[in-house]
Structures are given as structure tokens and as C-alpha cells.
Amino acid sequence: MAEEDAPQQGNDANKGCSGCGDGCGDGCSAGTQKLLLIIVGLVVVASVLVAITNPNDFETGDSSAVAKATLATATPTVVKQVSFEEKLESELKKANQMTGVDIESVTYNEQTKGVVIWLFQEDVWDEKHLRNSFAYTTFDIMGVLVKYPEKIDFVTIAGKTPMIDSKGHTSIDKVYQVETTIDDAKTVNWDNLINYNKDVTVAIKNNFESVWWHVAVRP
């Protein structure tokens, strides 16, 4: 009987660790947990290294995405091109030295190379004051226009002011107009005419091909 029991004990001894399901469950579970802990630890270490080497990806990830989206949808800045007419009007207004006379409008025709300029004076002391104001403003204007002979061929300057008729009605009427070519205008020293201390209507008459004054203000 003793000889038969010994082999049975040997078989029982070998039977205990044949697999994880045959009595070794606790050992296998402990090993699996250790493996998982190692994997989690490696993932954490990798994440920390990425955060250290690329901090901006974590701090500004959202803002970078917003910035990229904004740039993608932003409207490009358009620089407005200033036309010759606008440039001319700006220069003429700066050159005008006569207080009370406004350069109301400047029109440039590129096809005919013609310039039409309207002046307006609201407050007038008398007819001589009006004539002198328009004349000196005309000298200032012509001093600018002669700088652009390649752009301008013909010049028309007209002036308006409030007028009262015999019935007391007020209206804005044209009272002055002069015309010339730029070729003739280039022969005149317009800057020096500012110092002309005689009858300025004479200088106007001598330096323009066409001169017209309203009968109410005619010299």
C-alpha cells in the first residue's frame, strides 16, 4: 500500500502549477498587474517628456488653431489707389491762400486732358473784393496746374457766389470764368503774380484766352 501511495503524491505535487487556471490564479494576477503598472508608467514618462520638449503644443494649442482659422478667413487689406483728380484736388486746396474762397470741386477728364475747377465765395464785401479773391485764388491754382503739362492740356476755372436780385431773392450764381491752355499757362510766372499790386483783373485778362465776369461784378 505504501508503494502505491508514493506515486500518487508525486502526481499531486506536479498537478499544482500546470496552468493559471489550476491553482495558480493569484500568482498570475499579480504578474499581470505588475505588467500593467510598468506599461502605465512608461506612458506617463513619455507624456512628460513630450510636454517638456514641446510646451507650446499644450499651452497654445487652442489659440494656435484659432489664429490659423482667423488667418484663413481674414479679408486681405486693399490699398486704395489715389486718382490724379484726387491728388490734384488735395494739392490745390493746400496751395489756396485766399481766406473765404473754397475750391468746391475739381474735375479731370483723362480723355481730353481737361481740368474744370469750381470756386465758391460766400461772404463778399463788395465787387472789388470778390474779383480780387477769385483772381488771387486763380493764380494759386495755376501755379500748381503748370507742374503737370503731360497730364493737362486745357484749364477752366469758374467762380460762384450768392446773389440777390431786385426782388430780394437769393441764389447761387456763376459770376466768373476763365479758360486757357497749359502751353500758354507755362509762359507765366504765376507765383510772382501773387505780389501784383495793381488791378488784378488786368493780369487775368492778359494771361487767359477767355475771361468772363458777371455784369453785376464786372470791372
C-alpha atoms as a PDB file:
ATOM      1  CA  MET A   1       0.000   0.000   0.000  1.00  0.00           C
ATOM      2  CA  ALA A   2       2.883   2.305   0.786  1.00  0.00           C
ATOM      3  CA  GLU A   3       4.334   1.748  -2.666  1.00  0.00           C
ATOM      4  CA  GLU A   4       1.051   2.704  -4.308  1.00  0.00           C
ATOM      5  CA  ASP A   5       0.700   5.962  -2.270  1.00  0.00           C
ATOM      6  CA  ALA A   6       4.092   7.409  -3.293  1.00  0.00           C
ATOM      7  CA  PRO A   7       3.330   7.791  -6.978  1.00  0.00           C
ATOM      8  CA  GLN A   8       0.036   9.415  -6.153  1.00  0.00           C
ATOM      9  CA  GLN A   9       1.779  12.042  -4.024  1.00  0.00           C
ATOM     10  CA  GLY A  10       4.185  12.738  -6.869  1.00  0.00           C
ATOM     11  CA  ASN A  11       1.346  13.250  -9.296  1.00  0.00           C
ATOM     12  CA  ASP A  12      -0.418  15.596  -6.870  1.00  0.00           C
ATOM     13  CA  ALA A  13       2.756  17.629  -6.476  1.00  0.00           C
ATOM     14  CA  ASN A  14       3.128  18.141 -10.241  1.00  0.00           C
ATOM     15  CA  LYS A  15      -0.547  18.894 -10.661  1.00  0.00           C
ATOM     16  CA  GLY A  16      -0.499  22.271  -8.732  1.00  0.00           C
ATOM     17  CA  CYS A  17       1.291  24.580 -11.296  1.00  0.00           C
ATOM     18  CA  SER A  18       0.294  23.165 -14.625  1.00  0.00           C
ATOM     19  CA  GLY A  19      -1.545  26.451 -15.596  1.00  0.00           C
ATOM     20  CA  CYS A  20      -3.058  29.701 -14.351  1.00  0.00           C
ATOM     21  CA  GLY A  21      -6.402  28.010 -14.012  1.00  0.00           C
ATOM     22  CA  ASP A  22      -5.167  25.110 -11.849  1.00  0.00           C
ATOM     23  CA  GLY A  23      -4.487  26.765  -8.518  1.00  0.00           C
ATOM     24  CA  CYS A  24      -2.003  29.478  -9.604  1.00  0.00           C
ATOM     25  CA  GLY A  25      -4.592  32.275 -10.248  1.00  0.00           C
ATOM     26  CA  ASP A  26      -3.198  34.577  -7.560  1.00  0.00           C
ATOM     27  CA  GLY A  27       0.314  34.369  -8.938  1.00  0.00           C
ATOM     28  CA  CYS A  28      -0.778  35.080 -12.490  1.00  0.00           C
ATOM     29  CA  SER A  29      -2.941  38.063 -11.403  1.00  0.00           C
ATOM     30  CA  ALA A  30      -0.035  39.588  -9.533  1.00  0.00           C
ATOM     31  CA  GLY A  31       2.162  39.278 -12.613  1.00  0.00           C
ATOM     32  CA  THR A  32      -0.436  40.878 -14.878  1.00  0.00           C
ATOM     33  CA  GLN A  33      -0.834  43.845 -12.505  1.00  0.00           C
ATOM     34  CA  LYS A  34       2.914  44.407 -12.448  1.00  0.00           C
ATOM     35  CA  LEU A  35       2.986  44.384 -16.249  1.00  0.00           C
ATOM     36  CA  LEU A  36       0.128  46.906 -16.459  1.00  0.00           C
ATOM     37  CA  LEU A  37       1.845  49.180 -13.929  1.00  0.00           C
ATOM     38  CA  ILE A  38       5.020  49.112 -15.992  1.00  0.00           C
ATOM     39  CA  ILE A  39       3.105  50.000 -19.184  1.00  0.00           C
ATOM     40  CA  VAL A  40       1.229  52.856 -17.455  1.00  0.00           C
ATOM     41  CA  GLY A  41       4.495  54.136 -16.041  1.00  0.00           C
ATOM     42  CA  LEU A  42       6.110  54.184 -19.464  1.00  0.00           C
ATOM     43  CA  VAL A  43       3.129  56.071 -20.941  1.00  0.00           C
ATOM     44  CA  VAL A  44       3.308  58.686 -18.177  1.00  0.00           C
ATOM     45  CA  VAL A  45       7.054  59.137 -18.650  1.00  0.00           C
ATOM     46  CA  ALA A  46       6.591  59.518 -22.408  1.00  0.00           C
ATOM     47  CA  SER A  47       3.854  62.131 -21.893  1.00  0.00           C
ATOM     48  CA  VAL A  48       6.053  64.109 -19.511  1.00  0.00           C
ATOM     49  CA  LEU A  49       8.931  64.087 -21.978  1.00  0.00           C
ATOM     50  CA  VAL A  50       6.685  65.326 -24.793  1.00  0.00           C
ATOM     51  CA  ALA A  51       5.322  68.106 -22.562  1.00  0.00           C
ATOM     52  CA  ILE A  52       8.839  69.213 -21.635  1.00  0.00           C
ATOM     53  CA  THR A  53      10.181  69.223 -25.183  1.00  0.00           C
ATOM     54  CA  ASN A  54       7.052  70.831 -26.763  1.00  0.00           C
ATOM     55  CA  PRO A  55       5.420  73.078 -24.126  1.00  0.00           C
ATOM     56  CA  ASN A  56       3.756  75.326 -26.711  1.00  0.00           C
ATOM     57  CA  ASP A  57       1.699  72.459 -28.084  1.00  0.00           C
ATOM     58  CA  PHE A  58      -0.038  72.150 -24.728  1.00  0.00           C
ATOM     59  CA  GLU A  59      -0.229  75.808 -23.741  1.00  0.00           C
ATOM     60  CA  THR A  60      -1.287  77.390 -27.022  1.00  0.00           C
ATOM     61  CA  GLY A  61      -2.860  74.553 -28.924  1.00  0.00           C
ATOM     62  CA  ASP A  62      -6.322  76.130 -28.954  1.00  0.00           C
ATOM     63  CA  SER A  63      -5.078  79.669 -29.582  1.00  0.00           C
ATOM     64  CA  SER A  64      -2.887  78.478 -32.470  1.00  0.00           C
ATOM     65  CA  ALA A  65      -5.876  76.779 -34.040  1.00  0.00           C
ATOM     66  CA  VAL A  66      -7.931  79.971 -33.641  1.00  0.00           C
ATOM     67  CA  ALA A  67      -5.136  82.060 -35.094  1.00  0.00           C
ATOM     68  CA  LYS A  68      -4.827  79.774 -38.107  1.00  0.00           C
ATOM     69  CA  ALA A  69      -8.574  79.862 -38.656  1.00  0.00           C
ATOM     70  CA  THR A  70      -8.563  83.670 -38.390  1.00  0.00           C
ATOM     71  CA  LEU A  71      -5.770  83.981 -40.923  1.00  0.00           C
ATOM     72  CA  ALA A  72      -7.577  81.653 -43.281  1.00  0.00           C
ATOM     73  CA  THR A  73     -10.773  83.718 -43.187  1.00  0.00           C
ATOM     74  CA  ALA A  74      -9.265  87.232 -42.824  1.00  0.00           C
ATOM     75  CA  THR A  75     -10.038  89.707 -45.608  1.00  0.00           C
ATOM     76  CA  PRO A  76      -6.835  90.929 -47.290  1.00  0.00           C
ATOM     77  CA  THR A  77      -6.052  94.639 -46.895  1.00  0.00           C
ATOM     78  CA  VAL A  78      -6.725  96.596 -50.081  1.00  0.00           C
ATOM     79  CA  VAL A  79      -4.654  99.732 -50.631  1.00  0.00           C
ATOM     80  CA  LYS A  80      -6.749 102.348 -52.380  1.00  0.00           C
ATOM     81  CA  GLN A  81      -5.127 103.916 -55.412  1.00  0.00           C
ATOM     82  CA  VAL A  82      -5.380 107.721 -55.381  1.00  0.00           C
ATOM     83  CA  SER A  83      -6.513 109.068 -58.750  1.00  0.00           C
ATOM     84  CA  PHE A  84      -4.861 112.045 -60.408  1.00  0.00           C
ATOM     85  CA  GLU A  85      -8.064 114.026 -59.873  1.00  0.00           C
ATOM     86  CA  GLU A  86      -7.976 113.371 -56.116  1.00  0.00           C
ATOM     87  CA  LYS A  87      -4.268 114.153 -55.948  1.00  0.00           C
ATOM     88  CA  LEU A  88      -4.809 117.388 -57.840  1.00  0.00           C
ATOM     89  CA  GLU A  89      -7.700 118.489 -55.624  1.00  0.00           C
ATOM     90  CA  SER A  90      -5.621 117.887 -52.498  1.00  0.00           C
ATOM     91  CA  GLU A  91      -2.704 119.932 -53.850  1.00  0.00           C
ATOM     92  CA  LEU A  92      -4.931 122.793 -54.990  1.00  0.00           C
ATOM     93  CA  LYS A  93      -6.634 123.104 -51.616  1.00  0.00           C
ATOM     94  CA  LYS A  94      -3.262 123.232 -49.880  1.00  0.00           C
ATOM     95  CA  ALA A  95      -1.990 125.887 -52.305  1.00  0.00           C
ATOM     96  CA  ASN A  96      -5.051 128.137 -51.927  1.00  0.00           C
ATOM     97  CA  GLN A  97      -4.067 131.109 -49.759  1.00  0.00           C
ATOM     98  CA  MET A  98      -7.253 133.159 -50.058  1.00  0.00           C
ATOM     99  CA  THR A  99      -9.364 133.090 -46.921  1.00  0.00           C
ATOM    100  CA  GLY A 100     -13.061 132.804 -47.715  1.00  0.00           C
ATOM    101  CA  VAL A 101     -12.653 131.207 -51.150  1.00  0.00           C
ATOM    102  CA  ASP A 102     -13.322 127.474 -51.250  1.00  0.00           C
ATOM    103  CA  ILE A 103     -12.212 125.137 -54.005  1.00  0.00           C
ATOM    104  CA  GLU A 104     -15.589 123.457 -54.300  1.00  0.00           C
ATOM    105  CA  SER A 105     -14.758 120.800 -56.886  1.00  0.00           C
ATOM    106  CA  VAL A 106     -12.056 119.583 -59.244  1.00  0.00           C
ATOM    107  CA  THR A 107     -12.957 117.507 -62.300  1.00  0.00           C
ATOM    108  CA  TYR A 108     -10.352 115.899 -64.548  1.00  0.00           C
ATOM    109  CA  ASN A 109     -11.141 114.340 -67.935  1.00  0.00           C
ATOM    110  CA  GLU A 110      -8.448 111.847 -68.842  1.00  0.00           C
ATOM    111  CA  GLN A 111      -9.548 111.626 -72.498  1.00  0.00           C
ATOM    112  CA  THR A 112      -9.458 115.373 -73.215  1.00  0.00           C
ATOM    113  CA  LYS A 113      -6.859 116.170 -70.531  1.00  0.00           C
ATOM    114  CA  GLY A 114      -9.121 118.979 -69.415  1.00  0.00           C
ATOM    115  CA  VAL A 115      -9.491 120.303 -65.855  1.00  0.00           C
ATOM    116  CA  VAL A 116     -12.580 122.151 -64.594  1.00  0.00           C
ATOM    117  CA  ILE A 117     -12.345 123.829 -61.178  1.00  0.00           C
ATOM    118  CA  TRP A 118     -15.221 125.472 -59.332  1.00  0.00           C
ATOM    119  CA  LEU A 119     -14.649 128.173 -56.697  1.00  0.00           C
ATOM    120  CA  PHE A 120     -17.173 129.384 -54.154  1.00  0.00           C
ATOM    121  CA  GLN A 121     -17.137 132.514 -52.005  1.00  0.00           C
ATOM    122  CA  GLU A 122     -19.991 133.098 -49.604  1.00  0.00           C
ATOM    123  CA  ASP A 123     -19.038 136.329 -47.828  1.00  0.00           C
ATOM    124  CA  VAL A 124     -18.308 139.280 -50.108  1.00  0.00           C
ATOM    125  CA  TRP A 125     -17.658 142.847 -49.038  1.00  0.00           C
ATOM    126  CA  ASP A 126     -18.095 144.383 -52.476  1.00  0.00           C
ATOM    127  CA  GLU A 127     -17.471 143.681 -56.162  1.00  0.00           C
ATOM    128  CA  LYS A 128     -13.749 144.517 -55.987  1.00  0.00           C
ATOM    129  CA  HIS A 129     -13.245 142.183 -53.028  1.00  0.00           C
ATOM    130  CA  LEU A 130     -14.906 139.360 -54.964  1.00  0.00           C
ATOM    131  CA  ARG A 131     -12.832 139.983 -58.111  1.00  0.00           C
ATOM    132  CA  ASN A 132      -9.563 140.097 -56.158  1.00  0.00           C
ATOM    133  CA  SER A 133     -10.414 136.964 -54.181  1.00  0.00           C
ATOM    134  CA  PHE A 134     -11.151 134.923 -57.309  1.00  0.00           C
ATOM    135  CA  ALA A 135      -8.145 136.356 -59.167  1.00  0.00           C
ATOM    136  CA  TYR A 136      -5.578 135.558 -56.449  1.00  0.00           C
ATOM    137  CA  THR A 137      -7.057 132.095 -55.963  1.00  0.00           C
ATOM    138  CA  THR A 138      -6.710 131.579 -59.715  1.00  0.00           C
ATOM    139  CA  PHE A 139      -3.009 132.482 -59.511  1.00  0.00           C
ATOM    140  CA  ASP A 140      -2.511 129.898 -56.753  1.00  0.00           C
ATOM    141  CA  ILE A 141      -4.331 127.243 -58.786  1.00  0.00           C
ATOM    142  CA  MET A 142      -2.399 127.875 -61.992  1.00  0.00           C
ATOM    143  CA  GLY A 143       0.900 127.634 -60.089  1.00  0.00           C
ATOM    144  CA  VAL A 144       0.008 124.001 -59.346  1.00  0.00           C
ATOM    145  CA  LEU A 145      -1.509 123.036 -62.702  1.00  0.00           C
ATOM    146  CA  VAL A 146       1.542 124.060 -64.768  1.00  0.00           C
ATOM    147  CA  LYS A 147       3.529 121.337 -62.959  1.00  0.00           C
ATOM    148  CA  TYR A 148       1.589 118.689 -64.914  1.00  0.00           C
ATOM    149  CA  PRO A 149       1.906 119.577 -68.626  1.00  0.00           C
ATOM    150  CA  GLU A 150       1.982 115.874 -69.535  1.00  0.00           C
ATOM    151  CA  LYS A 151      -1.408 115.372 -67.860  1.00  0.00           C
ATOM    152  CA  ILE A 152      -3.244 118.649 -68.581  1.00  0.00           C
ATOM    153  CA  ASP A 153      -3.989 120.435 -71.866  1.00  0.00           C
ATOM    154  CA  PHE A 154      -6.941 122.723 -71.044  1.00  0.00           C
ATOM    155  CA  VAL A 155      -7.970 124.598 -67.907  1.00  0.00           C
ATOM    156  CA  THR A 156     -11.324 126.111 -66.947  1.00  0.00           C
ATOM    157  CA  ILE A 157     -11.802 127.934 -63.648  1.00  0.00           C
ATOM    158  CA  ALA A 158     -15.236 129.248 -62.639  1.00  0.00           C
ATOM    159  CA  GLY A 159     -16.484 131.018 -59.523  1.00  0.00           C
ATOM    160  CA  LYS A 160     -19.871 131.200 -57.764  1.00  0.00           C
ATOM    161  CA  THR A 161     -21.282 133.415 -55.037  1.00  0.00           C
ATOM    162  CA  PRO A 162     -24.699 134.242 -53.518  1.00  0.00           C
ATOM    163  CA  MET A 163     -26.548 136.929 -55.488  1.00  0.00           C
ATOM    164  CA  ILE A 164     -29.618 138.962 -54.523  1.00  0.00           C
ATOM    165  CA  ASP A 165     -31.971 140.156 -57.251  1.00  0.00           C
ATOM    166  CA  SER A 166     -34.138 143.295 -57.271  1.00  0.00           C
ATOM    167  CA  LYS A 167     -36.978 141.383 -55.621  1.00  0.00           C
ATOM    168  CA  GLY A 168     -34.810 140.266 -52.717  1.00  0.00           C
ATOM    169  CA  HIS A 169     -34.452 136.660 -53.807  1.00  0.00           C
ATOM    170  CA  THR A 170     -31.096 134.951 -53.146  1.00  0.00           C
ATOM    171  CA  SER A 171     -29.484 132.411 -55.457  1.00  0.00           C
ATOM    172  CA  ILE A 172     -26.040 130.924 -56.049  1.00  0.00           C
ATOM    173  CA  ASP A 173     -24.857 132.194 -59.417  1.00  0.00           C
ATOM    174  CA  LYS A 174     -21.759 131.888 -61.559  1.00  0.00           C
ATOM    175  CA  VAL A 175     -20.028 135.278 -61.679  1.00  0.00           C
ATOM    176  CA  TYR A 176     -16.570 134.417 -63.048  1.00  0.00           C
ATOM    177  CA  GLN A 177     -14.940 132.128 -65.589  1.00  0.00           C
ATOM    178  CA  VAL A 178     -11.527 131.919 -67.266  1.00  0.00           C
ATOM    179  CA  GLU A 179     -10.050 129.457 -69.762  1.00  0.00           C
ATOM    180  CA  THR A 180      -6.567 128.777 -71.122  1.00  0.00           C
ATOM    181  CA  THR A 181      -4.268 126.068 -72.444  1.00  0.00           C
ATOM    182  CA  ILE A 182      -1.454 124.664 -70.389  1.00  0.00           C
ATOM    183  CA  ASP A 183       1.031 125.613 -73.123  1.00  0.00           C
ATOM    184  CA  ASP A 184       0.175 129.300 -72.694  1.00  0.00           C
ATOM    185  CA  ALA A 185      -0.010 128.965 -68.926  1.00  0.00           C
ATOM    186  CA  LYS A 186       3.570 127.663 -68.754  1.00  0.00           C
ATOM    187  CA  THR A 187       4.865 131.035 -70.001  1.00  0.00           C
ATOM    188  CA  VAL A 188       3.518 132.866 -66.922  1.00  0.00           C
ATOM    189  CA  ASN A 189       5.219 133.239 -63.529  1.00  0.00           C
ATOM    190  CA  TRP A 190       2.082 132.565 -61.515  1.00  0.00           C
ATOM    191  CA  ASP A 191       3.818 132.529 -58.150  1.00  0.00           C
ATOM    192  CA  ASN A 192       5.075 136.053 -58.687  1.00  0.00           C
ATOM    193  CA  LEU A 193       1.612 137.350 -59.648  1.00  0.00           C
ATOM    194  CA  ILE A 194       0.637 136.923 -56.004  1.00  0.00           C
ATOM    195  CA  ASN A 195       2.648 140.114 -55.451  1.00  0.00           C
ATOM    196  CA  TYR A 196       0.896 142.001 -58.267  1.00  0.00           C
ATOM    197  CA  ASN A 197      -0.369 145.166 -56.584  1.00  0.00           C
ATOM    198  CA  LYS A 198      -2.206 146.762 -59.486  1.00  0.00           C
ATOM    199  CA  ASP A 199      -5.621 145.907 -60.899  1.00  0.00           C
ATOM    200  CA  VAL A 200      -5.543 142.099 -60.832  1.00  0.00           C
ATOM    201  CA  THR A 201      -8.271 141.917 -63.464  1.00  0.00           C
ATOM    202  CA  VAL A 202      -5.690 143.203 -65.938  1.00  0.00           C
ATOM    203  CA  ALA A 203      -3.371 140.292 -65.103  1.00  0.00           C
ATOM    204  CA  ILE A 204      -6.303 137.916 -65.510  1.00  0.00           C
ATOM    205  CA  LYS A 205      -7.208 139.413 -68.896  1.00  0.00           C
ATOM    206  CA  ASN A 206      -3.603 139.265 -70.159  1.00  0.00           C
ATOM    207  CA  ASN A 207      -2.943 135.651 -69.170  1.00  0.00           C
ATOM    208  CA  PHE A 208      -6.140 133.833 -70.176  1.00  0.00           C
ATOM    209  CA  GLU A 209      -7.580 133.188 -73.607  1.00  0.00           C
ATOM    210  CA  SER A 210     -11.139 133.676 -72.367  1.00  0.00           C
ATOM    211  CA  VAL A 211     -12.315 135.812 -69.438  1.00  0.00           C
ATOM    212  CA  TRP A 212     -15.892 136.386 -68.300  1.00  0.00           C
ATOM    213  CA  TRP A 213     -17.347 138.363 -65.381  1.00  0.00           C
ATOM    214  CA  HIS A 214     -20.991 138.625 -64.379  1.00  0.00           C
ATOM    215  CA  VAL A 215     -22.434 142.037 -65.214  1.00  0.00           C
ATOM    216  CA  ALA A 216     -23.037 142.661 -61.509  1.00  0.00           C
ATOM    217  CA  VAL A 217     -19.322 142.318 -60.640  1.00  0.00           C
ATOM    218  CA  ARG A 218     -17.674 143.259 -63.943  1.00  0.00           C
ATOM    219  CA  PRO A 219     -14.780 145.741 -63.599  1.00  0.00           C
END
